């Protein structure tokens, strides 16, 4: 069973661990095992930065657990942007990312967001497209990595024909 809750300051070390492990171990299509690229990508995944994100009222961080183990990290902005959606390597392909994304989308809808945005990595691009997200422009280079700007109309719910 996957449980998702809002993260708190006591989760900082756990959040950092999931984020950095996910980047290092699962995002090789993006960083190609280049130590400098990994260092740039993980530079802000420190306890100080993550604590600041939790304290920022414009962001909401989530911690997903599977079998009582930390399994994923998500973050949204109050402007309707998905800022983070990472899964712990031990929980990849177990439904954590899908559950976390569904939870994030539901929270965005509750917050009145009708069109959500994100920038996908190469690693997650297909995952988001399969989840109903659409590319909205050419890929961008961010921190030396290719990012795919994407949007999703949250008014169209699964099983709905959009009318």
Protein backbone atom coordinates (compact mmCIF):
# COMPACT_ATOMS: atom_id res chain seq x y z
CA UNK A 1 0.00 0.00 0.00
CA UNK A 2 1.22 3.49 -0.88
CA UNK A 3 0.54 6.27 1.60
CA UNK A 4 1.13 9.92 0.73
CA UNK A 5 1.21 12.79 3.16
CA UNK A 6 2.44 16.35 3.33
CA UNK A 7 6.10 16.42 4.32
CA UNK A 8 7.28 18.22 7.44
CA UNK A 9 10.60 19.47 8.80
CA UNK A 10 11.25 16.11 10.45
CA UNK A 11 11.34 14.53 6.97
CA UNK A 12 14.17 16.66 5.58
CA UNK A 13 16.92 14.01 5.67
CA UNK A 14 14.59 11.37 4.23
CA UNK A 15 13.48 13.67 1.42
CA UNK A 16 17.10 14.49 0.54
CA UNK A 17 18.01 10.81 0.51
CA UNK A 18 15.17 9.88 -1.84
CA UNK A 19 15.84 12.80 -4.18
CA UNK A 20 19.58 12.21 -4.47
CA UNK A 21 19.31 8.43 -4.81
CA UNK A 22 16.65 8.77 -7.49
CA UNK A 23 18.75 11.23 -9.47
CA UNK A 24 21.96 9.23 -9.17
CA UNK A 25 20.50 5.78 -9.79
CA UNK A 26 17.44 6.27 -12.00
CA UNK A 27 18.13 9.34 -14.13
CA UNK A 28 21.14 8.09 -16.10
CA UNK A 29 19.38 8.90 -19.40
CA UNK A 30 19.70 12.52 -18.29
CA UNK A 31 23.05 12.79 -16.53
CA UNK A 32 24.80 9.92 -18.35
CA UNK A 33 26.78 9.18 -15.15
CA UNK A 34 28.66 12.48 -15.50
CA UNK A 35 29.80 13.45 -11.97
CA UNK A 36 29.65 17.20 -12.70
CA UNK A 37 26.10 16.99 -14.03
CA UNK A 38 24.99 14.92 -11.04
CA UNK A 39 26.67 17.40 -8.68
CA UNK A 40 24.85 20.36 -10.32
CA UNK A 41 21.52 18.51 -10.22
CA UNK A 42 21.81 17.48 -6.59
CA UNK A 43 23.43 20.71 -5.34
CA UNK A 44 20.12 22.05 -4.01
CA UNK A 45 18.93 18.71 -2.59
CA UNK A 46 20.55 19.50 0.77
CA UNK A 47 18.86 19.60 4.18
CA UNK A 48 19.11 23.40 4.22
CA UNK A 49 17.45 23.80 0.82
CA UNK A 50 14.78 21.18 1.42
CA UNK A 51 13.94 22.69 4.82
CA UNK A 52 13.53 26.02 3.05
CA UNK A 53 11.15 24.45 0.54
CA UNK A 54 9.05 23.01 3.36
CA UNK A 55 8.95 26.39 5.10
CA UNK A 56 7.97 28.22 1.88
CA UNK A 57 4.19 28.79 1.94
CA UNK A 58 4.18 28.84 -1.88
CA UNK A 59 5.25 25.17 -2.04
CA UNK A 60 3.85 21.92 -0.76
CA UNK A 61 6.09 18.87 -0.45
CA UNK A 62 4.80 15.31 -0.20
CA UNK A 63 6.38 12.13 1.07
CA UNK A 64 5.15 8.81 -0.29
CA UNK A 65 5.72 5.61 1.66
CA UNK A 66 5.37 2.03 0.48
CA UNK A 67 5.55 -0.84 2.96
CA UNK A 68 6.42 1.76 5.61
CA UNK A 69 9.55 2.79 3.71
CA UNK A 70 10.21 6.20 2.11
CA UNK A 71 9.33 5.68 -1.54
CA UNK A 72 8.81 9.02 -3.26
CA UNK A 73 8.97 12.79 -3.04
CA UNK A 74 6.70 15.29 -4.75
CA UNK A 75 6.41 19.05 -4.67
CA UNK A 76 4.00 21.58 -6.15
CA UNK A 77 3.91 25.35 -6.28
CA UNK A 78 0.82 27.36 -5.48
CA UNK A 79 0.96 28.49 -9.12
CA UNK A 80 0.14 25.02 -10.38
CA UNK A 81 3.59 23.71 -11.22
CA UNK A 82 4.81 20.22 -10.37
CA UNK A 83 8.32 20.90 -9.12
CA UNK A 84 9.34 17.40 -7.99
CA UNK A 85 8.18 13.83 -8.58
CA UNK A 86 10.94 11.38 -7.69
CA UNK A 87 10.80 7.73 -6.66
CA UNK A 88 13.28 5.87 -4.46
CA UNK A 89 15.20 3.29 -6.52
CA UNK A 90 13.96 0.34 -4.42
CA UNK A 91 10.37 1.31 -5.20
CA UNK A 92 10.64 1.93 -8.95
CA UNK A 93 7.93 0.28 -11.06
CA UNK A 94 5.74 -0.30 -7.99
CA UNK A 95 3.18 2.42 -8.72
CA UNK A 96 4.70 5.07 -6.46
CA UNK A 97 5.23 7.72 -9.14
CA UNK A 98 1.73 7.17 -10.53
CA UNK A 99 0.17 7.38 -7.06
CA UNK A 100 2.20 10.46 -6.21
CA UNK A 101 1.29 12.17 -9.49
CA UNK A 102 -2.41 11.35 -9.02
CA UNK A 103 -2.24 12.77 -5.49
CA UNK A 104 -0.44 15.90 -6.71
CA UNK A 105 -3.00 16.44 -9.47
CA UNK A 106 -5.88 16.01 -7.00
CA UNK A 107 -4.35 18.58 -4.64
CA UNK A 108 -3.87 21.00 -7.53
CA UNK A 109 -7.54 20.55 -8.50
CA UNK A 110 -8.58 21.15 -4.86
CA UNK A 111 -6.49 24.34 -4.99
CA UNK A 112 -8.41 25.54 -8.06
CA UNK A 113 -5.71 24.86 -10.64
CA UNK A 114 -7.15 24.02 -14.06
CA UNK A 115 -3.93 23.75 -16.07
CA UNK A 116 -0.85 22.28 -14.41
CA UNK A 117 2.71 22.66 -15.67
CA UNK A 118 5.98 20.84 -15.25
CA UNK A 119 9.32 20.38 -16.92
CA UNK A 120 10.07 16.72 -17.45
CA UNK A 121 13.42 15.01 -17.53
CA UNK A 122 14.34 12.65 -20.35
CA UNK A 123 13.88 9.79 -17.90
CA UNK A 124 10.29 10.73 -16.99
CA UNK A 125 9.09 12.15 -20.31
CA UNK A 126 7.29 9.00 -21.50
CA UNK A 127 5.78 8.50 -18.02
CA UNK A 128 4.18 11.95 -18.11
CA UNK A 129 2.94 11.56 -21.68
CA UNK A 130 1.28 8.27 -20.69
CA UNK A 131 -0.32 10.10 -17.75
CA UNK A 132 -2.00 12.60 -20.07
CA UNK A 133 0.55 15.41 -20.03
CA UNK A 134 1.33 17.15 -23.34
CA UNK A 135 4.48 18.79 -24.62
CA UNK A 136 4.12 22.57 -24.94
CA UNK A 137 7.14 23.80 -26.78
CA UNK A 138 10.62 22.79 -27.64
CA UNK A 139 12.88 21.10 -25.08
CA UNK A 140 14.97 23.48 -22.98
CA UNK A 141 18.39 23.07 -21.46
CA UNK A 142 18.26 23.58 -17.69
CA UNK A 143 21.31 22.99 -15.51
CA UNK A 144 22.92 21.23 -18.46
CA UNK A 145 19.98 18.82 -18.81
CA UNK A 146 17.27 18.60 -21.46
CA UNK A 147 13.88 19.53 -20.02
CA UNK A 148 10.51 19.08 -21.69
CA UNK A 149 7.92 21.77 -20.85
CA UNK A 150 4.57 20.04 -20.39
CA UNK A 151 1.01 20.88 -19.38
CA UNK A 152 -2.10 19.01 -18.40
CA UNK A 153 -5.69 20.22 -18.39
CA UNK A 154 -6.90 19.11 -14.97
CA UNK A 155 -10.54 19.74 -15.86
CA UNK A 156 -10.47 16.58 -17.96
CA UNK A 157 -10.60 13.73 -15.46
CA UNK A 158 -9.82 10.08 -16.26
CA UNK A 159 -12.82 8.35 -17.81
CA UNK A 160 -14.23 11.69 -18.97
CA UNK A 161 -14.60 12.69 -22.59
CA UNK A 162 -13.82 16.32 -21.72
CA UNK A 163 -17.37 17.63 -22.21
